[in-house]
N, C-alpha and C. Protein backbone atom coordinates (compact mmCIF):
# COMPACT_ATOMS: atom_id res chain seq x y z
N MET A 1 -4.03 -2.81 14.87
CA MET A 1 -4.40 -4.05 15.50
C MET A 1 -3.17 -4.94 15.59
N LEU A 2 -3.08 -5.68 16.65
CA LEU A 2 -2.00 -6.64 16.85
C LEU A 2 -2.60 -8.04 16.76
N SER A 3 -2.01 -8.89 15.93
CA SER A 3 -2.50 -10.27 15.76
C SER A 3 -1.38 -11.25 16.06
N LEU A 4 -1.65 -12.18 16.96
CA LEU A 4 -0.72 -13.26 17.26
C LEU A 4 -1.38 -14.56 16.86
N ARG A 5 -0.63 -15.44 16.21
CA ARG A 5 -1.15 -16.74 15.81
C ARG A 5 -0.14 -17.83 16.16
N ALA A 6 -0.61 -18.80 16.92
CA ALA A 6 0.18 -20.00 17.27
C ALA A 6 1.56 -19.65 17.83
N VAL A 7 1.61 -18.66 18.72
CA VAL A 7 2.89 -18.21 19.30
C VAL A 7 3.33 -19.19 20.39
N ASN A 8 4.57 -19.64 20.28
CA ASN A 8 5.17 -20.54 21.26
C ASN A 8 6.49 -19.94 21.74
N HIS A 9 6.76 -20.12 23.02
CA HIS A 9 8.02 -19.66 23.61
C HIS A 9 8.51 -20.73 24.58
N TYR A 10 9.82 -20.87 24.65
CA TYR A 10 10.45 -21.81 25.57
C TYR A 10 11.51 -21.08 26.39
N TYR A 11 11.62 -21.44 27.66
CA TYR A 11 12.78 -21.10 28.48
C TYR A 11 13.59 -22.39 28.56
N GLY A 12 14.64 -22.50 27.77
CA GLY A 12 15.37 -23.76 27.69
C GLY A 12 14.45 -24.82 27.11
N ASN A 13 14.25 -25.92 27.85
CA ASN A 13 13.32 -26.95 27.37
C ASN A 13 11.94 -26.82 28.00
N GLN A 14 11.72 -25.75 28.77
CA GLN A 14 10.41 -25.51 29.41
C GLN A 14 9.51 -24.73 28.47
N HIS A 15 8.43 -25.34 28.03
CA HIS A 15 7.48 -24.71 27.11
C HIS A 15 6.61 -23.74 27.93
N SER A 16 6.78 -22.43 27.70
CA SER A 16 6.10 -21.44 28.54
C SER A 16 4.86 -20.81 27.88
N LEU A 17 4.83 -20.68 26.57
CA LEU A 17 3.64 -20.22 25.84
C LEU A 17 3.27 -21.28 24.82
N TRP A 18 2.01 -21.68 24.84
CA TRP A 18 1.54 -22.78 24.00
C TRP A 18 0.53 -22.27 22.97
N ASP A 19 0.93 -22.15 21.72
CA ASP A 19 0.01 -21.84 20.61
C ASP A 19 -0.94 -20.69 20.94
N VAL A 20 -0.41 -19.57 21.37
CA VAL A 20 -1.23 -18.41 21.75
C VAL A 20 -1.77 -17.72 20.51
N ASP A 21 -3.08 -17.53 20.46
CA ASP A 21 -3.77 -16.72 19.45
C ASP A 21 -4.38 -15.53 20.18
N LEU A 22 -4.15 -14.32 19.66
CA LEU A 22 -4.65 -13.13 20.32
C LEU A 22 -4.81 -12.02 19.30
N ASP A 23 -5.92 -11.30 19.38
CA ASP A 23 -6.13 -10.10 18.58
C ASP A 23 -6.38 -8.94 19.53
N LEU A 24 -5.55 -7.91 19.43
CA LEU A 24 -5.75 -6.69 20.21
C LEU A 24 -6.29 -5.65 19.25
N LEU A 25 -7.55 -5.27 19.45
CA LEU A 25 -8.25 -4.38 18.53
C LEU A 25 -8.11 -2.92 18.93
N PRO A 26 -8.03 -2.01 17.95
CA PRO A 26 -7.93 -0.59 18.27
C PRO A 26 -9.14 -0.10 19.04
N GLY A 27 -8.90 0.71 20.05
CA GLY A 27 -9.99 1.28 20.84
C GLY A 27 -10.61 0.34 21.84
N LYS A 28 -10.09 -0.86 21.95
CA LYS A 28 -10.63 -1.86 22.89
C LYS A 28 -9.59 -2.13 23.97
N CYS A 29 -10.08 -2.43 25.16
CA CYS A 29 -9.22 -2.79 26.27
C CYS A 29 -9.21 -4.31 26.39
N THR A 30 -8.03 -4.89 26.43
CA THR A 30 -7.90 -6.34 26.54
C THR A 30 -7.07 -6.66 27.78
N ALA A 31 -7.53 -7.62 28.55
CA ALA A 31 -6.80 -8.05 29.75
C ALA A 31 -6.33 -9.48 29.58
N VAL A 32 -5.13 -9.75 30.04
CA VAL A 32 -4.59 -11.11 30.06
C VAL A 32 -4.52 -11.50 31.53
N LEU A 33 -5.31 -12.48 31.91
CA LEU A 33 -5.42 -12.88 33.31
C LEU A 33 -4.84 -14.27 33.52
N GLY A 34 -4.33 -14.52 34.71
CA GLY A 34 -3.83 -15.85 35.02
C GLY A 34 -3.08 -15.84 36.34
N LEU A 35 -2.88 -17.02 36.86
CA LEU A 35 -2.12 -17.19 38.09
C LEU A 35 -0.64 -16.91 37.85
N PRO A 36 0.13 -16.68 38.91
CA PRO A 36 1.57 -16.51 38.74
C PRO A 36 2.17 -17.71 38.01
N GLY A 37 3.07 -17.43 37.08
CA GLY A 37 3.73 -18.49 36.35
C GLY A 37 2.97 -18.99 35.13
N MET A 38 1.87 -18.34 34.78
CA MET A 38 1.06 -18.80 33.64
C MET A 38 1.53 -18.22 32.31
N GLY A 39 2.44 -17.24 32.32
CA GLY A 39 2.99 -16.73 31.07
C GLY A 39 2.57 -15.32 30.67
N LYS A 40 1.92 -14.60 31.57
CA LYS A 40 1.46 -13.24 31.22
C LYS A 40 2.64 -12.32 30.89
N THR A 41 3.63 -12.29 31.75
CA THR A 41 4.80 -11.43 31.53
C THR A 41 5.61 -11.93 30.34
N THR A 42 5.72 -13.23 30.18
CA THR A 42 6.42 -13.79 29.03
C THR A 42 5.74 -13.36 27.74
N LEU A 43 4.41 -13.41 27.71
CA LEU A 43 3.67 -12.97 26.53
C LEU A 43 3.95 -11.50 26.23
N ALA A 44 3.89 -10.65 27.25
CA ALA A 44 4.16 -9.22 27.06
C ALA A 44 5.58 -9.01 26.54
N ASN A 45 6.54 -9.72 27.10
CA ASN A 45 7.93 -9.58 26.66
C ASN A 45 8.15 -10.07 25.23
N CYS A 46 7.41 -11.07 24.82
CA CYS A 46 7.49 -11.52 23.42
C CYS A 46 6.90 -10.46 22.49
N ILE A 47 5.78 -9.88 22.89
CA ILE A 47 5.13 -8.86 22.05
C ILE A 47 6.02 -7.63 21.89
N ILE A 48 6.63 -7.17 22.98
CA ILE A 48 7.45 -5.96 22.87
C ILE A 48 8.85 -6.24 22.31
N GLY A 49 9.19 -7.51 22.16
CA GLY A 49 10.45 -7.87 21.53
C GLY A 49 11.59 -8.16 22.47
N ASN A 50 11.34 -8.24 23.76
CA ASN A 50 12.40 -8.55 24.72
C ASN A 50 12.73 -10.03 24.77
N LEU A 51 11.81 -10.87 24.31
CA LEU A 51 12.04 -12.32 24.24
C LEU A 51 11.70 -12.79 22.84
N PRO A 52 12.48 -13.74 22.30
CA PRO A 52 12.15 -14.29 20.98
C PRO A 52 11.05 -15.34 21.10
N ILE A 53 10.32 -15.56 20.01
CA ILE A 53 9.36 -16.66 20.01
C ILE A 53 9.96 -17.82 19.22
N GLU A 54 9.58 -19.02 19.61
CA GLU A 54 10.07 -20.22 18.94
C GLU A 54 9.36 -20.44 17.62
N SER A 55 8.05 -20.22 17.62
CA SER A 55 7.26 -20.39 16.40
C SER A 55 6.00 -19.55 16.50
N GLY A 56 5.36 -19.34 15.38
CA GLY A 56 4.14 -18.55 15.32
C GLY A 56 4.38 -17.25 14.59
N THR A 57 3.33 -16.41 14.55
CA THR A 57 3.42 -15.13 13.85
C THR A 57 2.88 -14.01 14.72
N MET A 58 3.42 -12.81 14.49
CA MET A 58 2.93 -11.60 15.14
C MET A 58 2.90 -10.50 14.08
N PHE A 59 1.71 -9.97 13.84
CA PHE A 59 1.56 -8.92 12.84
C PHE A 59 0.95 -7.68 13.46
N TRP A 60 1.46 -6.52 13.05
CA TRP A 60 0.95 -5.22 13.45
C TRP A 60 0.21 -4.63 12.26
N HIS A 61 -1.06 -4.30 12.45
CA HIS A 61 -1.89 -3.73 11.39
C HIS A 61 -2.18 -2.28 11.74
N GLN A 62 -1.52 -1.36 11.06
CA GLN A 62 -1.77 0.06 11.28
C GLN A 62 -2.75 0.55 10.22
N ALA A 63 -3.71 1.37 10.62
CA ALA A 63 -4.74 1.86 9.70
C ALA A 63 -4.11 2.46 8.45
N GLY A 64 -4.57 2.01 7.28
CA GLY A 64 -4.10 2.55 6.02
C GLY A 64 -2.76 2.02 5.55
N ALA A 65 -2.19 1.07 6.27
CA ALA A 65 -0.89 0.51 5.88
C ALA A 65 -1.00 -1.01 5.83
N PRO A 66 -0.16 -1.66 5.03
CA PRO A 66 -0.19 -3.12 5.02
C PRO A 66 0.32 -3.67 6.35
N PRO A 67 -0.11 -4.88 6.73
CA PRO A 67 0.38 -5.47 7.98
C PRO A 67 1.90 -5.65 7.93
N CYS A 68 2.55 -5.44 9.07
CA CYS A 68 3.99 -5.69 9.11
C CYS A 68 4.27 -6.82 10.10
N ASP A 69 5.26 -7.62 9.74
CA ASP A 69 5.68 -8.77 10.54
C ASP A 69 6.55 -8.27 11.69
N LEU A 70 6.02 -8.33 12.92
CA LEU A 70 6.78 -7.83 14.07
C LEU A 70 8.04 -8.63 14.34
N LEU A 71 8.08 -9.86 13.90
CA LEU A 71 9.26 -10.68 14.16
C LEU A 71 10.49 -10.14 13.43
N GLN A 72 10.28 -9.31 12.42
CA GLN A 72 11.38 -8.71 11.68
C GLN A 72 11.79 -7.34 12.24
N ILE A 73 11.08 -6.89 13.28
CA ILE A 73 11.32 -5.56 13.84
C ILE A 73 11.89 -5.69 15.25
N PRO A 74 13.09 -5.15 15.51
CA PRO A 74 13.67 -5.25 16.86
C PRO A 74 12.87 -4.44 17.88
N ALA A 75 13.04 -4.77 19.13
CA ALA A 75 12.28 -4.13 20.22
C ALA A 75 12.41 -2.61 20.18
N ALA A 76 13.60 -2.09 19.95
CA ALA A 76 13.80 -0.64 19.95
C ALA A 76 12.98 0.06 18.87
N LYS A 77 12.72 -0.61 17.76
CA LYS A 77 11.93 0.00 16.69
C LYS A 77 10.43 -0.24 16.89
N ARG A 78 10.06 -1.23 17.69
CA ARG A 78 8.64 -1.45 17.98
C ARG A 78 8.07 -0.29 18.80
N ILE A 79 8.90 0.36 19.57
CA ILE A 79 8.45 1.50 20.37
C ILE A 79 7.87 2.59 19.47
N ALA A 80 8.49 2.81 18.30
CA ALA A 80 8.00 3.82 17.36
C ALA A 80 6.61 3.48 16.84
N LEU A 81 6.24 2.19 16.87
CA LEU A 81 4.90 1.76 16.45
C LEU A 81 3.89 1.93 17.59
N GLY A 82 4.39 2.23 18.79
CA GLY A 82 3.50 2.36 19.95
C GLY A 82 3.41 1.08 20.75
N ILE A 83 4.32 0.14 20.50
CA ILE A 83 4.31 -1.14 21.21
C ILE A 83 5.35 -1.08 22.31
N ASN A 84 4.88 -1.03 23.55
CA ASN A 84 5.76 -0.96 24.70
C ASN A 84 4.93 -1.25 25.94
N CYS A 85 5.56 -1.35 27.08
CA CYS A 85 4.81 -1.54 28.32
C CYS A 85 5.52 -0.81 29.45
N VAL A 86 4.76 -0.55 30.49
CA VAL A 86 5.31 0.04 31.70
C VAL A 86 5.24 -1.03 32.76
N SER A 87 6.37 -1.37 33.33
CA SER A 87 6.43 -2.42 34.33
C SER A 87 5.59 -2.05 35.55
N GLN A 88 5.00 -3.05 36.17
CA GLN A 88 4.17 -2.80 37.35
C GLN A 88 4.98 -2.28 38.52
N GLU A 89 6.28 -2.42 38.49
CA GLU A 89 7.12 -1.93 39.58
C GLU A 89 7.36 -0.43 39.49
N ARG A 90 7.08 0.18 38.36
CA ARG A 90 7.32 1.61 38.20
C ARG A 90 6.27 2.40 38.96
N ARG A 91 6.73 3.44 39.65
CA ARG A 91 5.79 4.30 40.37
C ARG A 91 5.34 5.41 39.44
N ILE A 92 4.04 5.63 39.41
CA ILE A 92 3.49 6.69 38.57
C ILE A 92 3.60 8.02 39.29
N PHE A 93 3.34 8.01 40.60
CA PHE A 93 3.38 9.25 41.38
C PHE A 93 4.58 9.22 42.31
N PHE A 94 5.21 10.37 42.47
CA PHE A 94 6.25 10.49 43.48
C PHE A 94 5.59 10.52 44.85
N ALA A 95 6.37 10.27 45.88
CA ALA A 95 5.82 10.32 47.24
C ALA A 95 5.22 11.70 47.48
N THR A 96 3.98 11.71 47.86
CA THR A 96 3.27 12.96 48.12
C THR A 96 2.12 12.64 49.06
N ASP A 97 1.49 13.66 49.56
CA ASP A 97 0.33 13.41 50.41
C ASP A 97 -0.90 13.14 49.54
N GLY A 98 -1.98 12.75 50.14
CA GLY A 98 -3.21 12.41 49.42
C GLY A 98 -3.73 13.56 48.58
N ARG A 99 -3.58 14.78 49.08
CA ARG A 99 -4.07 15.95 48.35
C ARG A 99 -3.30 16.11 47.03
N GLY A 100 -2.00 15.87 47.05
CA GLY A 100 -1.19 15.98 45.84
C GLY A 100 -1.58 14.94 44.80
N LYS A 101 -1.84 13.71 45.25
CA LYS A 101 -2.26 12.65 44.33
C LYS A 101 -3.62 12.98 43.74
N SER A 102 -4.52 13.52 44.57
CA SER A 102 -5.86 13.87 44.08
C SER A 102 -5.77 14.92 42.99
N ALA A 103 -4.85 15.86 43.14
CA ALA A 103 -4.71 16.91 42.13
C ALA A 103 -4.27 16.32 40.80
N HIS A 104 -3.40 15.29 40.84
CA HIS A 104 -2.95 14.65 39.60
C HIS A 104 -4.08 13.89 38.93
N CYS A 105 -4.95 13.29 39.72
CA CYS A 105 -6.01 12.44 39.19
C CYS A 105 -7.28 13.20 38.85
N ALA A 106 -7.43 14.38 39.39
CA ALA A 106 -8.67 15.15 39.17
C ALA A 106 -8.74 15.62 37.73
N PRO A 107 -9.96 15.70 37.17
CA PRO A 107 -10.10 16.21 35.81
C PRO A 107 -9.44 17.58 35.69
N GLY A 108 -8.60 17.72 34.70
CA GLY A 108 -7.88 18.97 34.50
C GLY A 108 -6.70 19.15 35.43
N GLY A 109 -6.40 18.09 36.27
CA GLY A 109 -5.34 18.23 37.26
C GLY A 109 -4.02 17.74 36.85
């Protein structure tokens, strides 16, 4: 489980994340929704370690292990915990016809 409490981030003097509290539970799907410029990408970059936070806490709770403070773990080591993201600009499928894409998406394909 990932727990964020009172997370704040600034770009210079621009306050971009305001006291964010969030729990991402194992086996659950969580969506962060908002208009452009609301801080969705900033939040993701703070979680994966690409941006520092000004204040607040981020803890990773792995089953059977004590919680670890993510703020003490650099981005490159967070990947080993399974914390990462795939940018929306990345293409999942190479250019192919519809039949080729269907084969990738079909059960067992």
